């Protein structure tokens, strides 16, 4: 749990330093009007599970992935974001989280960068 809080603090600090990743609010991106970097905060409970495929995915992580995963483009953008990478998330592991959560409505087969959501 201490490691998870450490990652959350690093993520929050990163967002403060980089202004939340906002590049203007006029247009909508992958996550609508919410910047991807800010949306990444919602997936903070997934930090450990996104680093190691052997780590059990928490209920809080699965809930967040289900919520964000309603928009597969947003989920993908968050998993591949600089924010996720800055806390040690590995994209090839992160894309397995929806399956590891046993989410029935996960975006199976969605192309996420060079990865496919199983």
N, C-alpha and C. Protein backbone atom coordinates (compact mmCIF):
# COMPACT_ATOMS: atom_id res chain seq x y z
N UNK A 1 0.83 -1.18 0.00
CA UNK A 1 0.00 0.00 0.00
C UNK A 1 0.87 1.25 0.00
N UNK A 2 2.01 1.19 0.70
CA UNK A 2 2.92 2.34 0.73
C UNK A 2 3.42 2.64 -0.67
N UNK A 3 3.72 1.59 -1.44
CA UNK A 3 4.21 1.80 -2.80
C UNK A 3 3.13 2.49 -3.64
N UNK A 4 1.88 2.08 -3.49
CA UNK A 4 0.78 2.70 -4.23
C UNK A 4 0.63 4.17 -3.89
N UNK A 5 0.73 4.51 -2.62
CA UNK A 5 0.63 5.90 -2.21
C UNK A 5 1.81 6.70 -2.74
N UNK A 6 2.98 6.09 -2.77
CA UNK A 6 4.16 6.76 -3.29
C UNK A 6 3.94 7.11 -4.75
N UNK A 7 3.40 6.17 -5.52
CA UNK A 7 3.13 6.42 -6.93
C UNK A 7 2.07 7.50 -7.11
N UNK A 8 1.06 7.48 -6.27
CA UNK A 8 0.01 8.49 -6.35
C UNK A 8 0.60 9.88 -6.07
N UNK A 9 1.47 9.97 -5.10
CA UNK A 9 2.11 11.26 -4.78
C UNK A 9 2.98 11.74 -5.93
N UNK A 10 3.73 10.84 -6.54
CA UNK A 10 4.58 11.19 -7.68
C UNK A 10 3.70 11.67 -8.84
N UNK A 11 2.59 10.96 -9.06
CA UNK A 11 1.67 11.33 -10.12
C UNK A 11 1.08 12.71 -9.87
N UNK A 12 0.64 12.98 -8.65
CA UNK A 12 0.07 14.28 -8.32
C UNK A 12 1.10 15.39 -8.50
N UNK A 13 2.33 15.14 -8.07
CA UNK A 13 3.40 16.12 -8.23
C UNK A 13 3.66 16.39 -9.71
N UNK A 14 3.69 15.33 -10.50
CA UNK A 14 3.91 15.47 -11.93
C UNK A 14 2.82 16.34 -12.56
N UNK A 15 1.57 16.11 -12.16
CA UNK A 15 0.47 16.89 -12.71
C UNK A 15 0.54 18.35 -12.30
N UNK A 16 0.96 18.60 -11.07
CA UNK A 16 1.10 19.98 -10.63
C UNK A 16 2.18 20.70 -11.41
N UNK A 17 3.31 20.03 -11.60
CA UNK A 17 4.43 20.64 -12.31
C UNK A 17 4.08 20.90 -13.77
N UNK A 18 3.34 19.99 -14.36
CA UNK A 18 3.02 20.11 -15.78
C UNK A 18 1.64 20.70 -16.03
N UNK A 19 1.05 21.30 -15.03
CA UNK A 19 -0.22 22.00 -15.22
C UNK A 19 -1.37 21.10 -15.57
N UNK A 20 -1.33 19.84 -15.15
CA UNK A 20 -2.44 18.94 -15.43
C UNK A 20 -2.48 18.46 -16.86
N UNK A 21 -1.46 18.80 -17.62
CA UNK A 21 -1.41 18.34 -19.00
C UNK A 21 -2.38 19.06 -19.92
N UNK A 22 -2.95 20.15 -19.47
CA UNK A 22 -3.91 20.83 -20.32
C UNK A 22 -3.20 21.62 -21.40
N UNK A 23 -3.67 21.46 -22.60
CA UNK A 23 -3.11 22.17 -23.75
C UNK A 23 -4.20 23.03 -24.36
N UNK A 24 -5.10 23.48 -23.53
CA UNK A 24 -6.22 24.25 -24.04
C UNK A 24 -7.49 23.47 -23.83
N UNK A 25 -8.58 24.15 -23.59
CA UNK A 25 -9.82 23.46 -23.34
C UNK A 25 -10.82 23.65 -24.47
N UNK A 26 -10.37 24.24 -25.56
CA UNK A 26 -11.30 24.50 -26.65
C UNK A 26 -11.78 23.20 -27.31
N UNK A 27 -10.87 22.31 -27.62
CA UNK A 27 -11.24 21.10 -28.33
C UNK A 27 -11.36 19.91 -27.40
N UNK A 28 -11.96 18.86 -27.92
CA UNK A 28 -12.11 17.64 -27.15
C UNK A 28 -11.06 16.64 -27.63
N UNK A 29 -10.43 15.96 -26.68
CA UNK A 29 -9.45 14.94 -27.01
C UNK A 29 -10.02 13.56 -26.80
N UNK A 30 -9.14 12.60 -26.60
CA UNK A 30 -9.56 11.21 -26.42
C UNK A 30 -10.51 11.06 -25.24
N UNK A 31 -10.35 11.89 -24.22
CA UNK A 31 -11.18 11.79 -23.01
C UNK A 31 -12.17 12.95 -22.93
N UNK A 32 -12.60 13.45 -24.07
CA UNK A 32 -13.53 14.58 -24.08
C UNK A 32 -12.80 15.84 -23.69
N UNK A 33 -13.39 16.62 -22.82
CA UNK A 33 -12.77 17.88 -22.41
C UNK A 33 -11.83 17.72 -21.22
N UNK A 34 -11.73 16.51 -20.70
CA UNK A 34 -10.82 16.24 -19.58
C UNK A 34 -9.47 15.84 -20.16
N UNK A 35 -8.40 16.54 -19.81
CA UNK A 35 -7.07 16.17 -20.31
C UNK A 35 -6.70 14.75 -19.88
N UNK A 36 -6.03 14.05 -20.78
CA UNK A 36 -5.62 12.67 -20.51
C UNK A 36 -4.81 12.59 -19.22
N UNK A 37 -3.91 13.55 -19.01
CA UNK A 37 -3.07 13.50 -17.81
C UNK A 37 -3.92 13.58 -16.54
N UNK A 38 -4.98 14.36 -16.58
CA UNK A 38 -5.86 14.46 -15.42
C UNK A 38 -6.70 13.19 -15.26
N UNK A 39 -7.13 12.62 -16.38
CA UNK A 39 -7.90 11.38 -16.34
C UNK A 39 -7.05 10.25 -15.76
N UNK A 40 -5.74 10.34 -15.96
CA UNK A 40 -4.84 9.31 -15.43
C UNK A 40 -4.93 9.22 -13.91
N UNK A 41 -5.27 10.31 -13.25
CA UNK A 41 -5.42 10.28 -11.79
C UNK A 41 -6.48 9.27 -11.36
N UNK A 42 -7.52 9.11 -12.17
CA UNK A 42 -8.58 8.16 -11.84
C UNK A 42 -8.06 6.73 -11.83
N UNK A 43 -7.00 6.48 -12.59
CA UNK A 43 -6.44 5.13 -12.65
C UNK A 43 -5.25 4.94 -11.72
N UNK A 44 -5.05 5.88 -10.80
CA UNK A 44 -3.96 5.77 -9.82
C UNK A 44 -4.00 4.47 -9.04
N UNK A 45 -5.19 3.92 -8.69
CA UNK A 45 -5.20 2.65 -7.97
C UNK A 45 -4.63 1.48 -8.78
N UNK A 46 -4.38 1.71 -10.06
CA UNK A 46 -3.87 0.65 -10.93
C UNK A 46 -2.35 0.68 -11.08
N UNK A 47 -1.68 1.58 -10.40
CA UNK A 47 -0.23 1.77 -10.60
C UNK A 47 0.56 0.47 -10.47
N UNK A 48 0.34 -0.27 -9.41
CA UNK A 48 1.10 -1.52 -9.21
C UNK A 48 0.74 -2.57 -10.24
N UNK A 49 -0.54 -2.69 -10.54
CA UNK A 49 -1.00 -3.69 -11.51
C UNK A 49 -0.53 -3.37 -12.92
N UNK A 50 -0.24 -2.10 -13.21
CA UNK A 50 0.23 -1.70 -14.53
C UNK A 50 1.73 -1.90 -14.68
N UNK A 51 2.40 -2.23 -13.59
CA UNK A 51 3.85 -2.46 -13.62
C UNK A 51 4.20 -3.94 -13.68
N UNK A 52 3.32 -4.78 -13.12
CA UNK A 52 3.62 -6.20 -12.96
C UNK A 52 2.36 -7.02 -13.20
N UNK A 53 2.40 -7.86 -14.21
CA UNK A 53 1.23 -8.68 -14.57
C UNK A 53 0.89 -9.70 -13.49
N UNK A 54 1.79 -9.94 -12.55
CA UNK A 54 1.54 -10.92 -11.49
C UNK A 54 0.85 -10.30 -10.27
N UNK A 55 0.76 -8.97 -10.23
CA UNK A 55 0.13 -8.28 -9.11
C UNK A 55 -1.39 -8.40 -9.25
N UNK A 56 -2.05 -8.73 -8.16
CA UNK A 56 -3.50 -8.81 -8.17
C UNK A 56 -4.07 -7.40 -8.37
N UNK A 57 -5.06 -7.29 -9.24
CA UNK A 57 -5.68 -6.01 -9.53
C UNK A 57 -6.72 -5.72 -8.44
N UNK A 58 -6.66 -4.54 -7.86
CA UNK A 58 -7.57 -4.18 -6.78
C UNK A 58 -8.97 -3.88 -7.31
N UNK A 59 -9.94 -3.97 -6.42
CA UNK A 59 -11.32 -3.63 -6.78
C UNK A 59 -11.42 -2.17 -7.19
N UNK A 60 -10.67 -1.29 -6.52
CA UNK A 60 -10.69 0.14 -6.86
C UNK A 60 -10.16 0.36 -8.27
N UNK A 61 -9.12 -0.37 -8.63
CA UNK A 61 -8.58 -0.27 -9.98
C UNK A 61 -9.61 -0.75 -11.00
N UNK A 62 -10.21 -1.89 -10.76
CA UNK A 62 -11.18 -2.44 -11.70
C UNK A 62 -12.37 -1.50 -11.88
N UNK A 63 -12.80 -0.89 -10.81
CA UNK A 63 -13.91 0.06 -10.89
C UNK A 63 -13.52 1.26 -11.76
N UNK A 64 -12.31 1.76 -11.56
CA UNK A 64 -11.83 2.90 -12.35
C UNK A 64 -11.68 2.53 -13.82
N UNK A 65 -11.14 1.34 -14.09
CA UNK A 65 -10.95 0.89 -15.47
C UNK A 65 -12.31 0.72 -16.15
N UNK A 66 -13.27 0.20 -15.43
CA UNK A 66 -14.61 0.03 -16.01
C UNK A 66 -15.21 1.39 -16.37
N UNK A 67 -15.03 2.36 -15.51
CA UNK A 67 -15.56 3.71 -15.72
C UNK A 67 -14.86 4.38 -16.92
N UNK A 68 -13.54 4.39 -16.91
CA UNK A 68 -12.78 5.03 -17.98
C UNK A 68 -12.90 4.24 -19.28
N UNK A 69 -13.01 2.91 -19.16
CA UNK A 69 -13.07 2.03 -20.32
C UNK A 69 -14.34 2.14 -21.13
N UNK A 70 -15.33 2.88 -20.64
CA UNK A 70 -16.52 3.13 -21.46
C UNK A 70 -16.14 3.84 -22.75
N UNK A 71 -15.00 4.53 -22.70
CA UNK A 71 -14.45 5.20 -23.86
C UNK A 71 -13.08 4.56 -24.11
N UNK A 72 -13.03 3.53 -24.97
CA UNK A 72 -11.76 2.81 -25.19
C UNK A 72 -10.61 3.71 -25.64
N UNK A 73 -10.89 4.75 -26.42
CA UNK A 73 -9.83 5.65 -26.86
C UNK A 73 -9.22 6.39 -25.68
N UNK A 74 -10.06 6.76 -24.72
CA UNK A 74 -9.57 7.44 -23.52
C UNK A 74 -8.75 6.48 -22.67
N UNK A 75 -9.27 5.27 -22.46
CA UNK A 75 -8.54 4.28 -21.66
C UNK A 75 -7.17 4.02 -22.27
N UNK A 76 -7.12 3.88 -23.56
CA UNK A 76 -5.86 3.64 -24.26
C UNK A 76 -4.92 4.82 -24.09
N UNK A 77 -5.43 6.03 -24.28
CA UNK A 77 -4.60 7.23 -24.15
C UNK A 77 -4.02 7.35 -22.75
N UNK A 78 -4.83 7.01 -21.75
CA UNK A 78 -4.36 7.08 -20.36
C UNK A 78 -3.26 6.04 -20.13
N UNK A 79 -3.47 4.81 -20.61
CA UNK A 79 -2.49 3.75 -20.40
C UNK A 79 -1.16 4.03 -21.09
N UNK A 80 -1.20 4.77 -22.19
CA UNK A 80 0.01 5.08 -22.94
C UNK A 80 0.56 6.47 -22.61
N UNK A 81 -0.07 7.17 -21.69
CA UNK A 81 0.31 8.55 -21.39
C UNK A 81 1.68 8.66 -20.71
N UNK A 82 2.25 9.83 -20.81
CA UNK A 82 3.50 10.10 -20.13
C UNK A 82 3.32 10.01 -18.62
N UNK A 83 2.13 10.36 -18.14
CA UNK A 83 1.85 10.28 -16.71
C UNK A 83 1.95 8.83 -16.24
N UNK A 84 1.32 7.92 -16.98
CA UNK A 84 1.37 6.49 -16.62
C UNK A 84 2.82 5.99 -16.66
N UNK A 85 3.53 6.36 -17.69
CA UNK A 85 4.92 5.93 -17.81
C UNK A 85 5.78 6.50 -16.69
N UNK A 86 5.47 7.73 -16.25
CA UNK A 86 6.28 8.36 -15.21
C UNK A 86 6.18 7.66 -13.87
N UNK A 87 5.11 6.89 -13.65
CA UNK A 87 4.98 6.13 -12.40
C UNK A 87 5.35 4.67 -12.61
N UNK A 88 5.94 4.36 -13.76
CA UNK A 88 6.45 3.02 -14.00
C UNK A 88 5.50 2.07 -14.69
N UNK A 89 4.36 2.56 -15.16
CA UNK A 89 3.41 1.68 -15.86
C UNK A 89 4.05 1.19 -17.15
N UNK A 90 3.85 -0.08 -17.43
CA UNK A 90 4.32 -0.68 -18.67
C UNK A 90 3.11 -0.89 -19.55
N UNK A 91 3.08 -0.26 -20.73
CA UNK A 91 1.89 -0.36 -21.58
C UNK A 91 1.48 -1.81 -21.88
N UNK A 92 2.45 -2.68 -22.10
CA UNK A 92 2.13 -4.07 -22.42
C UNK A 92 1.46 -4.78 -21.25
N UNK A 93 1.69 -4.30 -20.04
CA UNK A 93 1.05 -4.86 -18.84
C UNK A 93 -0.27 -4.13 -18.58
N UNK A 94 -0.27 -2.82 -18.75
CA UNK A 94 -1.47 -2.01 -18.49
C UNK A 94 -2.66 -2.46 -19.34
N UNK A 95 -2.41 -2.81 -20.61
CA UNK A 95 -3.52 -3.20 -21.47
C UNK A 95 -4.17 -4.52 -21.04
N UNK A 96 -3.51 -5.26 -20.16
CA UNK A 96 -4.09 -6.53 -19.68
C UNK A 96 -5.02 -6.33 -18.49
N UNK A 97 -5.03 -5.14 -17.92
CA UNK A 97 -5.82 -4.92 -16.70
C UNK A 97 -7.32 -5.16 -16.91
N UNK A 98 -7.94 -4.68 -17.99
CA UNK A 98 -9.38 -4.96 -18.15
C UNK A 98 -9.69 -6.46 -18.12
N UNK A 99 -8.84 -7.27 -18.75
CA UNK A 99 -9.05 -8.72 -18.73
C UNK A 99 -8.81 -9.28 -17.34
N UNK A 100 -7.76 -8.79 -16.68
CA UNK A 100 -7.45 -9.27 -15.33
C UNK A 100 -8.55 -8.90 -14.34
N UNK A 101 -9.34 -7.87 -14.67
CA UNK A 101 -10.48 -7.48 -13.85
C UNK A 101 -11.73 -8.31 -14.19
N UNK A 102 -11.62 -9.13 -15.22
CA UNK A 102 -12.76 -9.93 -15.69
C UNK A 102 -13.94 -9.05 -16.09
N UNK A 103 -13.66 -7.92 -16.74
CA UNK A 103 -14.72 -7.02 -17.18
C UNK A 103 -15.35 -7.59 -18.45
N UNK A 104 -16.61 -7.91 -18.37
CA UNK A 104 -17.31 -8.50 -19.51
C UNK A 104 -17.44 -7.52 -20.67
N UNK A 105 -17.56 -6.24 -20.36
CA UNK A 105 -17.76 -5.24 -21.41
C UNK A 105 -16.47 -4.51 -21.79
N UNK A 106 -15.33 -5.17 -21.57
CA UNK A 106 -14.05 -4.54 -21.91
C UNK A 106 -13.91 -4.47 -23.43
N UNK A 107 -13.10 -3.53 -23.91
CA UNK A 107 -12.93 -3.34 -25.36
C UNK A 107 -11.97 -4.36 -25.97
N UNK A 108 -12.38 -5.62 -26.00
CA UNK A 108 -11.53 -6.71 -26.51
C UNK A 108 -11.15 -6.42 -27.96
N UNK A 109 -9.85 -6.56 -28.24
CA UNK A 109 -9.35 -6.38 -29.59
C UNK A 109 -9.09 -4.94 -29.98
N UNK A 110 -9.33 -4.01 -29.06
CA UNK A 110 -9.11 -2.60 -29.38
C UNK A 110 -7.61 -2.36 -29.53
N UNK A 111 -7.23 -1.75 -30.64
CA UNK A 111 -5.83 -1.44 -30.89
C UNK A 111 -5.43 -0.21 -30.09
N UNK A 112 -4.43 -0.40 -29.24
CA UNK A 112 -3.98 0.64 -28.34
C UNK A 112 -2.50 0.87 -28.59
N UNK A 113 -2.21 1.80 -29.50
CA UNK A 113 -0.82 2.00 -29.89
C UNK A 113 -0.34 0.73 -30.58
N UNK A 114 0.75 0.20 -30.14
CA UNK A 114 1.26 -1.05 -30.71
C UNK A 114 0.76 -2.27 -29.95
N UNK A 115 -0.26 -2.11 -29.12
CA UNK A 115 -0.77 -3.17 -28.26
C UNK A 115 -2.25 -3.40 -28.57
N UNK A 116 -2.73 -4.60 -28.24
CA UNK A 116 -4.14 -4.94 -28.41
C UNK A 116 -4.69 -5.33 -27.07
N UNK A 117 -5.84 -4.76 -26.71
CA UNK A 117 -6.47 -5.09 -25.42
C UNK A 117 -7.05 -6.50 -25.54
N UNK A 118 -6.58 -7.42 -24.69
CA UNK A 118 -7.07 -8.81 -24.77
C UNK A 118 -8.48 -8.95 -24.22
